[in-house]
PDB file of N, CA and C in Angstrom:
ATOM      1  N   MET A   1     -37.575  24.271   6.000  1.00  0.00           N
ATOM      2  CA  MET A   1     -36.378  23.884   6.700  1.00  0.00           C
ATOM      3  C   MET A   1     -35.968  22.494   6.218  1.00  0.00           C
ATOM      4  N   THR A   2     -34.678  22.290   5.985  1.00  0.00           N
ATOM      5  CA  THR A   2     -34.147  21.027   5.502  1.00  0.00           C
ATOM      6  C   THR A   2     -33.786  20.135   6.689  1.00  0.00           C
ATOM      7  N   ALA A   3     -34.211  18.870   6.590  1.00  0.00           N
ATOM      8  CA  ALA A   3     -33.876  17.923   7.646  1.00  0.00           C
ATOM      9  C   ALA A   3     -32.404  17.544   7.533  1.00  0.00           C
ATOM     10  N   ILE A   4     -31.724  17.557   8.637  1.00  0.00           N
ATOM     11  CA  ILE A   4     -30.306  17.197   8.656  1.00  0.00           C
ATOM     12  C   ILE A   4     -30.213  15.707   8.992  1.00  0.00           C
ATOM     13  N   GLN A   5     -29.530  14.978   8.134  1.00  0.00           N
ATOM     14  CA  GLN A   5     -29.347  13.533   8.347  1.00  0.00           C
ATOM     15  C   GLN A   5     -27.953  13.325   8.940  1.00  0.00           C
ATOM     16  N   TYR A   6     -27.896  12.998  10.203  1.00  0.00           N
ATOM     17  CA  TYR A   6     -26.622  12.749  10.845  1.00  0.00           C
ATOM     18  C   TYR A   6     -26.148  11.358  10.470  1.00  0.00           C
ATOM     19  N   PHE A   7     -24.858  11.215  10.182  1.00  0.00           N
ATOM     20  CA  PHE A   7     -24.323   9.938   9.713  1.00  0.00           C
ATOM     21  C   PHE A   7     -24.546   8.828  10.725  1.00  0.00           C
ATOM     22  N   TRP A   8     -24.334   9.084  12.022  1.00  0.00           N
ATOM     23  CA  TRP A   8     -24.467   8.021  13.010  1.00  0.00           C
ATOM     24  C   TRP A   8     -25.912   7.534  13.151  1.00  0.00           C
ATOM     25  N   ARG A   9     -26.875   8.297  12.598  1.00  0.00           N
ATOM     26  CA  ARG A   9     -28.268   7.858  12.604  1.00  0.00           C
ATOM     27  C   ARG A   9     -28.695   7.277  11.268  1.00  0.00           C
ATOM     28  N   HIS A  10     -27.831   7.340  10.305  1.00  0.00           N
ATOM     29  CA  HIS A  10     -28.135   6.841   8.962  1.00  0.00           C
ATOM     30  C   HIS A  10     -28.235   5.314   9.001  1.00  0.00           C
ATOM     31  N   PRO A  11     -29.165   4.719   8.237  1.00  0.00           N
ATOM     32  CA  PRO A  11     -29.315   3.251   8.220  1.00  0.00           C
ATOM     33  C   PRO A  11     -28.018   2.512   7.889  1.00  0.00           C
ATOM     34  N   LEU A  12     -27.206   3.060   7.000  1.00  0.00           N
ATOM     35  CA  LEU A  12     -25.936   2.419   6.659  1.00  0.00           C
ATOM     36  C   LEU A  12     -25.007   2.392   7.869  1.00  0.00           C
ATOM     37  N   ALA A  13     -24.956   3.479   8.607  1.00  0.00           N
ATOM     38  CA  ALA A  13     -24.115   3.524   9.805  1.00  0.00           C
ATOM     39  C   ALA A  13     -24.611   2.520  10.835  1.00  0.00           C
ATOM     40  N   GLU A  14     -25.915   2.415  10.987  1.00  0.00           N
ATOM     41  CA  GLU A  14     -26.479   1.445  11.930  1.00  0.00           C
ATOM     42  C   GLU A  14     -26.150   0.019  11.506  1.00  0.00           C
ATOM     43  N   GLN A  15     -26.189  -0.247  10.203  1.00  0.00           N
ATOM     44  CA  GLN A  15     -25.863  -1.578   9.685  1.00  0.00           C
ATOM     45  C   GLN A  15     -24.398  -1.912   9.951  1.00  0.00           C
ATOM     46  N   VAL A  16     -23.522  -0.964   9.708  1.00  0.00           N
ATOM     47  CA  VAL A  16     -22.087  -1.169   9.946  1.00  0.00           C
ATOM     48  C   VAL A  16     -21.838  -1.448  11.431  1.00  0.00           C
ATOM     49  N   ARG A  17     -22.494  -0.697  12.312  1.00  0.00           N
ATOM     50  CA  ARG A  17     -22.333  -0.922  13.747  1.00  0.00           C
ATOM     51  C   ARG A  17     -22.826  -2.311  14.139  1.00  0.00           C
ATOM     52  N   GLU A  18     -23.966  -2.725  13.609  1.00  0.00           N
ATOM     53  CA  GLU A  18     -24.521  -4.033  13.938  1.00  0.00           C
ATOM     54  C   GLU A  18     -23.592  -5.150  13.445  1.00  0.00           C
ATOM     55  N   GLU A  19     -23.058  -5.016  12.227  1.00  0.00           N
ATOM     56  CA  GLU A  19     -22.121  -6.012  11.714  1.00  0.00           C
ATOM     57  C   GLU A  19     -20.872  -6.079  12.592  1.00  0.00           C
ATOM     58  N   GLY A  20     -20.405  -4.939  13.043  1.00  0.00           N
ATOM     59  CA  GLY A  20     -19.237  -4.902  13.922  1.00  0.00           C
ATOM     60  C   GLY A  20     -19.513  -5.589  15.244  1.00  0.00           C
ATOM     61  N   ARG A  21     -20.698  -5.365  15.797  1.00  0.00           N
ATOM     62  CA  ARG A  21     -21.065  -6.029  17.057  1.00  0.00           C
ATOM     63  C   ARG A  21     -21.114  -7.539  16.875  1.00  0.00           C
ATOM     64  N   GLU A  22     -21.742  -7.986  15.781  1.00  0.00           N
ATOM     65  CA  GLU A  22     -21.836  -9.422  15.518  1.00  0.00           C
ATOM     66  C   GLU A  22     -20.450 -10.040  15.335  1.00  0.00           C
ATOM     67  N   GLN A  23     -19.596  -9.346  14.600  1.00  0.00           N
ATOM     68  CA  GLN A  23     -18.237  -9.830  14.378  1.00  0.00           C
ATOM     69  C   GLN A  23     -17.474  -9.905  15.696  1.00  0.00           C
ATOM     70  N   GLY A  24     -17.635  -8.899  16.527  1.00  0.00           N
ATOM     71  CA  GLY A  24     -16.963  -8.884  17.827  1.00  0.00           C
ATOM     72  C   GLY A  24     -17.451 -10.007  18.722  1.00  0.00           C
ATOM     73  N   LEU A  25     -18.759 -10.269  18.704  1.00  0.00           N
ATOM     74  CA  LEU A  25     -19.303 -11.367  19.500  1.00  0.00           C
ATOM     75  C   LEU A  25     -18.756 -12.702  19.027  1.00  0.00           C
ATOM     76  N   GLN A  26     -18.695 -12.897  17.716  1.00  0.00           N
ATOM     77  CA  GLN A  26     -18.190 -14.157  17.165  1.00  0.00           C
ATOM     78  C   GLN A  26     -16.729 -14.366  17.541  1.00  0.00           C
ATOM     79  N   GLN A  27     -15.924 -13.313  17.417  1.00  0.00           N
ATOM     80  CA  GLN A  27     -14.512 -13.420  17.783  1.00  0.00           C
ATOM     81  C   GLN A  27     -14.365 -13.696  19.270  1.00  0.00           C
ATOM     82  N   GLY A  28     -15.210 -13.073  20.074  1.00  0.00           N
ATOM     83  CA  GLY A  28     -15.167 -13.298  21.508  1.00  0.00           C
ATOM     84  C   GLY A  28     -15.515 -14.732  21.858  1.00  0.00           C
ATOM     85  N   LEU A  29     -16.501 -15.297  21.164  1.00  0.00           N
ATOM     86  CA  LEU A  29     -16.878 -16.689  21.399  1.00  0.00           C
ATOM     87  C   LEU A  29     -15.746 -17.641  21.038  1.00  0.00           C
ATOM     88  N   GLU A  30     -15.115 -17.402  19.891  1.00  0.00           N
ATOM     89  CA  GLU A  30     -14.013 -18.265  19.464  1.00  0.00           C
ATOM     90  C   GLU A  30     -12.832 -18.170  20.429  1.00  0.00           C
ATOM     91  N   GLN A  31     -12.536 -16.976  20.887  1.00  0.00           N
ATOM     92  CA  GLN A  31     -11.448 -16.810  21.848  1.00  0.00           C
ATOM     93  C   GLN A  31     -11.786 -17.504  23.159  1.00  0.00           C
ATOM     94  N   GLY A  32     -13.042 -17.411  23.564  1.00  0.00           N
ATOM     95  CA  GLY A  32     -13.469 -18.074  24.785  1.00  0.00           C
ATOM     96  C   GLY A  32     -13.368 -19.585  24.687  1.00  0.00           C
ATOM     97  N   ARG A  33     -13.751 -20.125  23.527  1.00  0.00           N
ATOM     98  CA  ARG A  33     -13.643 -21.572  23.316  1.00  0.00           C
ATOM     99  C   ARG A  33     -12.188 -22.016  23.364  1.00  0.00           C
ATOM    100  N   ALA A  34     -11.324 -21.251  22.697  1.00  0.00           N
ATOM    101  CA  ALA A  34      -9.899 -21.604  22.680  1.00  0.00           C
ATOM    102  C   ALA A  34      -9.320 -21.546  24.089  1.00  0.00           C
ATOM    103  N   GLN A  35      -9.665 -20.521  24.838  1.00  0.00           N
ATOM    104  CA  GLN A  35      -9.143 -20.399  26.194  1.00  0.00           C
ATOM    105  C   GLN A  35      -9.629 -21.554  27.067  1.00  0.00           C
ATOM    106  N   ALA A  36     -10.899 -21.919  26.917  1.00  0.00           N
ATOM    107  CA  ALA A  36     -11.448 -23.017  27.719  1.00  0.00           C
ATOM    108  C   ALA A  36     -10.764 -24.342  27.394  1.00  0.00           C
ATOM    109  N   ARG A  37     -10.525 -24.597  26.101  1.00  0.00           N
ATOM    110  CA  ARG A  37      -9.851 -25.845  25.722  1.00  0.00           C
ATOM    111  C   ARG A  37      -8.414 -25.873  26.205  1.00  0.00           C
ATOM    112  N   ALA A  38      -7.739 -24.736  26.116  1.00  0.00           N
ATOM    113  CA  ALA A  38      -6.349 -24.667  26.583  1.00  0.00           C
ATOM    114  C   ALA A  38      -6.291 -24.940  28.087  1.00  0.00           C
ATOM    115  N   GLU A  39      -7.177 -24.311  28.825  1.00  0.00           N
ATOM    116  CA  GLU A  39      -7.198 -24.529  30.266  1.00  0.00           C
ATOM    117  C   GLU A  39      -7.529 -25.980  30.595  1.00  0.00           C
ATOM    118  N   MET A  40      -8.405 -26.580  29.815  1.00  0.00           N
ATOM    119  CA  MET A  40      -8.773 -27.975  30.054  1.00  0.00           C
ATOM    120  C   MET A  40      -7.574 -28.898  29.845  1.00  0.00           C
ATOM    121  N   ALA A  41      -6.805 -28.678  28.797  1.00  0.00           N
ATOM    122  CA  ALA A  41      -5.635 -29.516  28.543  1.00  0.00           C
ATOM    123  C   ALA A  41      -4.657 -29.442  29.722  1.00  0.00           C
ATOM    124  N   VAL A  42      -4.444 -28.238  30.231  1.00  0.00           N
ATOM    125  CA  VAL A  42      -3.537 -28.063  31.365  1.00  0.00           C
ATOM    126  C   VAL A  42      -4.130 -28.722  32.613  1.00  0.00           C
ATOM    127  N   ARG A  43      -5.425 -28.527  32.838  1.00  0.00           N
ATOM    128  CA  ARG A  43      -6.061 -29.113  34.025  1.00  0.00           C
ATOM    129  C   ARG A  43      -6.027 -30.633  34.013  1.00  0.00           C
ATOM    130  N   ILE A  44      -6.202 -31.227  32.846  1.00  0.00           N
ATOM    131  CA  ILE A  44      -6.153 -32.696  32.754  1.00  0.00           C
ATOM    132  C   ILE A  44      -4.807 -33.204  33.266  1.00  0.00           C
ATOM    133  N   LEU A  45      -3.742 -32.546  32.813  1.00  0.00           N
ATOM    134  CA  LEU A  45      -2.407 -32.938  33.286  1.00  0.00           C
ATOM    135  C   LEU A  45      -2.302 -32.766  34.798  1.00  0.00           C
ATOM    136  N   GLU A  46      -2.767 -31.637  35.290  1.00  0.00           N
ATOM    137  CA  GLU A  46      -2.677 -31.374  36.730  1.00  0.00           C
ATOM    138  C   GLU A  46      -3.516 -32.378  37.524  1.00  0.00           C
ATOM    139  N   TRP A  47      -4.718 -32.686  37.058  1.00  0.00           N
ATOM    140  CA  TRP A  47      -5.579 -33.651  37.747  1.00  0.00           C
ATOM    141  C   TRP A  47      -4.921 -35.024  37.826  1.00  0.00           C
ATOM    142  N   ARG A  48      -4.140 -35.327  36.793  1.00  0.00           N
ATOM    143  CA  ARG A  48      -3.457 -36.617  36.750  1.00  0.00           C
ATOM    144  C   ARG A  48      -2.159 -36.596  37.560  1.00  0.00           C
ATOM    145  N   GLY A  49      -1.838 -35.463  38.157  1.00  0.00           N
ATOM    146  CA  GLY A  49      -0.632 -35.358  38.973  1.00  0.00           C
ATOM    147  C   GLY A  49       0.634 -35.157  38.171  1.00  0.00           C
ATOM    148  N   ILE A  50       0.498 -34.734  36.927  1.00  0.00           N
ATOM    149  CA  ILE A  50       1.661 -34.517  36.062  1.00  0.00           C
ATOM    150  C   ILE A  50       2.088 -33.058  36.174  1.00  0.00           C
ATOM    151  N   PRO A  51       3.342 -32.798  36.546  1.00  0.00           N
ATOM    152  CA  PRO A  51       3.812 -31.414  36.642  1.00  0.00           C
ATOM    153  C   PRO A  51       3.756 -30.721  35.276  1.00  0.00           C
ATOM    154  N   VAL A  52       3.317 -29.467  35.290  1.00  0.00           N
ATOM    155  CA  VAL A  52       3.218 -28.688  34.045  1.00  0.00           C
ATOM    156  C   VAL A  52       4.210 -27.534  34.135  1.00  0.00           C
ATOM    157  N   PRO A  53       5.340 -27.659  33.420  1.00  0.00           N
ATOM    158  CA  PRO A  53       6.330 -26.573  33.428  1.00  0.00           C
ATOM    159  C   PRO A  53       5.734 -25.289  32.847  1.00  0.00           C
ATOM    160  N   ASP A  54       6.284 -24.165  33.260  1.00  0.00           N
ATOM    161  CA  ASP A  54       5.790 -22.872  32.781  1.00  0.00           C
ATOM    162  C   ASP A  54       5.816 -22.779  31.259  1.00  0.00           C
ATOM    163  N   ALA A  55       6.858 -23.312  30.624  1.00  0.00           N
ATOM    164  CA  ALA A  55       6.965 -23.237  29.160  1.00  0.00           C
ATOM    165  C   ALA A  55       5.806 -23.973  28.484  1.00  0.00           C
ATOM    166  N   VAL A  56       5.432 -25.116  29.014  1.00  0.00           N
ATOM    167  CA  VAL A  56       4.310 -25.885  28.452  1.00  0.00           C
ATOM    168  C   VAL A  56       3.009 -25.128  28.684  1.00  0.00           C
ATOM    169  N   ARG A  57       2.809 -24.661  29.911  1.00  0.00           N
ATOM    170  CA  ARG A  57       1.591 -23.915  30.256  1.00  0.00           C
ATOM    171  C   ARG A  57       1.433 -22.699  29.341  1.00  0.00           C
ATOM    172  N   GLU A  58       2.504 -21.935  29.159  1.00  0.00           N
ATOM    173  CA  GLU A  58       2.453 -20.737  28.328  1.00  0.00           C
ATOM    174  C   GLU A  58       2.143 -21.075  26.882  1.00  0.00           C
ATOM    175  N   ARG A  59       2.768 -22.127  26.360  1.00  0.00           N
ATOM    176  CA  ARG A  59       2.517 -22.516  24.976  1.00  0.00           C
ATOM    177  C   ARG A  59       1.065 -22.947  24.766  1.00  0.00           C
ATOM    178  N   VAL A  60       0.552 -23.733  25.677  1.00  0.00           N
ATOM    179  CA  VAL A  60      -0.835 -24.197  25.553  1.00  0.00           C
ATOM    180  C   VAL A  60      -1.796 -23.029  25.687  1.00  0.00           C
ATOM    181  N   LEU A  61      -1.612 -22.187  26.687  1.00  0.00           N
ATOM    182  CA  LEU A  61      -2.527 -21.076  26.914  1.00  0.00           C
ATOM    183  C   LEU A  61      -2.450 -20.006  25.832  1.00  0.00           C
ATOM    184  N   ALA A  62      -1.339 -19.940  25.106  1.00  0.00           N
ATOM    185  CA  ALA A  62      -1.195 -18.966  24.025  1.00  0.00           C
ATOM    186  C   ALA A  62      -1.815 -19.453  22.713  1.00  0.00           C
ATOM    187  N   CYS A  63      -2.094 -20.732  22.610  1.00  0.00           N
ATOM    188  CA  CYS A  63      -2.619 -21.305  21.370  1.00  0.00           C
ATOM    189  C   CYS A  63      -4.084 -20.900  21.163  1.00  0.00           C
ATOM    190  N   THR A  64      -4.441 -20.583  19.921  1.00  0.00           N
ATOM    191  CA  THR A  64      -5.819 -20.233  19.585  1.00  0.00           C
ATOM    192  C   THR A  64      -6.427 -21.187  18.564  1.00  0.00           C
ATOM    193  N   ASP A  65      -5.676 -22.192  18.150  1.00  0.00           N
ATOM    194  CA  ASP A  65      -6.148 -23.172  17.165  1.00  0.00           C
ATOM    195  C   ASP A  65      -6.982 -24.243  17.885  1.00  0.00           C
ATOM    196  N   LEU A  66      -8.294 -24.214  17.671  1.00  0.00           N
ATOM    197  CA  LEU A  66      -9.182 -25.137  18.378  1.00  0.00           C
ATOM    198  C   LEU A  66      -8.865 -26.598  18.076  1.00  0.00           C
ATOM    199  N   GLY A  67      -8.511 -26.909  16.860  1.00  0.00           N
ATOM    200  CA  GLY A  67      -8.173 -28.277  16.486  1.00  0.00           C
ATOM    201  C   GLY A  67      -6.940 -28.778  17.209  1.00  0.00           C
ATOM    202  N   ARG A  68      -5.923 -27.951  17.234  1.00  0.00           N
ATOM    203  CA  ARG A  68      -4.673 -28.321  17.917  1.00  0.00           C
ATOM    204  C   ARG A  68      -4.927 -28.481  19.422  1.00  0.00           C
ATOM    205  N   LEU A  69      -5.708 -27.595  20.003  1.00  0.00           N
ATOM    206  CA  LEU A  69      -6.012 -27.686  21.431  1.00  0.00           C
ATOM    207  C   LEU A  69      -6.786 -28.960  21.750  1.00  0.00           C
ATOM    208  N   GLU A  70      -7.655 -29.365  20.853  1.00  0.00           N
ATOM    209  CA  GLU A  70      -8.398 -30.619  21.045  1.00  0.00           C
ATOM    210  C   GLU A  70      -7.444 -31.811  21.061  1.00  0.00           C
ATOM    211  N   VAL A  71      -6.490 -31.808  20.138  1.00  0.00           N
ATOM    212  CA  VAL A  71      -5.494 -32.881  20.082  1.00  0.00           C
ATOM    213  C   VAL A  71      -4.667 -32.891  21.363  1.00  0.00           C
ATOM    214  N   TRP A  72      -4.252 -31.708  21.819  1.00  0.00           N
ATOM    215  CA  TRP A  72      -3.452 -31.637  23.036  1.00  0.00           C
ATOM    216  C   TRP A  72      -4.242 -32.139  24.241  1.00  0.00           C
ATOM    217  N   ALA A  73      -5.525 -31.805  24.318  1.00  0.00           N
ATOM    218  CA  ALA A  73      -6.352 -32.279  25.438  1.00  0.00           C
ATOM    219  C   ALA A  73      -6.472 -33.802  25.408  1.00  0.00           C
ATOM    220  N   GLN A  74      -6.619 -34.359  24.219  1.00  0.00           N
ATOM    221  CA  GLN A  74      -6.699 -35.817  24.099  1.00  0.00           C
ATOM    222  C   GLN A  74      -5.381 -36.465  24.508  1.00  0.00           C
ATOM    223  N   ARG A  75      -4.280 -35.852  24.110  1.00  0.00           N
ATOM    224  CA  ARG A  75      -2.970 -36.389  24.495  1.00  0.00           C
ATOM    225  C   ARG A  75      -2.735 -36.276  25.994  1.00  0.00           C
ATOM    226  N   ALA A  76      -3.283 -35.237  26.613  1.00  0.00           N
ATOM    227  CA  ALA A  76      -3.110 -35.031  28.048  1.00  0.00           C
ATOM    228  C   ALA A  76      -3.699 -36.190  28.845  1.00  0.00           C
ATOM    229  N   VAL A  77      -4.691 -36.852  28.295  1.00  0.00           N
ATOM    230  CA  VAL A  77      -5.336 -37.971  28.993  1.00  0.00           C
ATOM    231  C   VAL A  77      -4.374 -39.144  29.151  1.00  0.00           C
ATOM    232  N   HIS A  78      -3.458 -39.326  28.191  1.00  0.00           N
ATOM    233  CA  HIS A  78      -2.572 -40.491  28.198  1.00  0.00           C
ATOM    234  C   HIS A  78      -1.097 -40.153  28.416  1.00  0.00           C
ATOM    235  N   ALA A  79      -0.765 -38.875  28.448  1.00  0.00           N
ATOM    236  CA  ALA A  79       0.640 -38.465  28.537  1.00  0.00           C
ATOM    237  C   ALA A  79       1.263 -38.839  29.877  1.00  0.00           C
ATOM    238  N   ALA A  80       2.540 -39.203  29.825  1.00  0.00           N
ATOM    239  CA  ALA A  80       3.292 -39.495  31.052  1.00  0.00           C
ATOM    240  C   ALA A  80       3.976 -38.230  31.561  1.00  0.00           C
ATOM    241  N   GLU A  81       4.205 -37.259  30.657  1.00  0.00           N
ATOM    242  CA  GLU A  81       4.768 -35.977  31.050  1.00  0.00           C
ATOM    243  C   GLU A  81       4.194 -34.907  30.138  1.00  0.00           C
ATOM    244  N   ALA A  82       4.211 -33.672  30.593  1.00  0.00           N
ATOM    245  CA  ALA A  82       3.536 -32.566  29.915  1.00  0.00           C
ATOM    246  C   ALA A  82       4.037 -32.322  28.493  1.00  0.00           C
ATOM    247  N   THR A  83       5.330 -32.506  28.270  1.00  0.00           N
ATOM    248  CA  THR A  83       5.883 -32.214  26.936  1.00  0.00           C
ATOM    249  C   THR A  83       5.368 -33.167  25.862  1.00  0.00           C
ATOM    250  N   GLU A  84       4.754 -34.282  26.277  1.00  0.00           N
ATOM    251  CA  GLU A  84       4.208 -35.231  25.293  1.00  0.00           C
ATOM    252  C   GLU A  84       3.027 -34.656  24.530  1.00  0.00           C
ATOM    253  N   LEU A  85       2.465 -33.558  24.992  1.00  0.00           N
ATOM    254  CA  LEU A  85       1.382 -32.921  24.251  1.00  0.00           C
ATOM    255  C   LEU A  85       1.857 -32.515  22.866  1.00  0.00           C
ATOM    256  N   PHE A  86       3.116 -32.163  22.755  1.00  0.00           N
ATOM    257  CA  PHE A  86       3.656 -31.598  21.516  1.00  0.00           C
ATOM    258  C   PHE A  86       4.353 -32.607  20.631  1.00  0.00           C
ATOM    259  N   THR A  87       4.295 -33.882  20.922  1.00  0.00           N
ATOM    260  CA  THR A  87       4.967 -34.871  20.088  1.00  0.00           C
ATOM    261  C   THR A  87       4.311 -34.928  18.719  1.00  0.00           C
ATOM    262  N   GLU A  88       5.104 -35.289  17.726  1.00  0.00           N
ATOM    263  CA  GLU A  88       4.651 -35.450  16.342  1.00  0.00           C
ATOM    264  C   GLU A  88       4.122 -34.158  15.744  1.00  0.00           C
ATOM    265  N   GLU A  89       4.735 -33.034  16.097  1.00  0.00           N
ATOM    266  CA  GLU A  89       4.308 -31.755  15.500  1.00  0.00           C
ATOM    267  C   GLU A  89       5.383 -31.212  14.608  1.00  0.00           C
TER     268      GLU A  89
END
């Protein structure tokens, strides 16, 4: 009797699945970091008593660039109004 090798049990299939899981975890971590930084930038403004218009909130929360979000969070510490996050862009 010939042994049947099912593709989903094949070592190559297992390797592809493992790579996909690792890639998904990495993307999830990066998205989580971006979301946390975006929320922090908005919270800094709110903690300082600065009103955050919906347009600013949406733009910040939609951003996925960690570097840009870091700059915005730093600007939030000194900004007099929410739109100052986007100056010099």
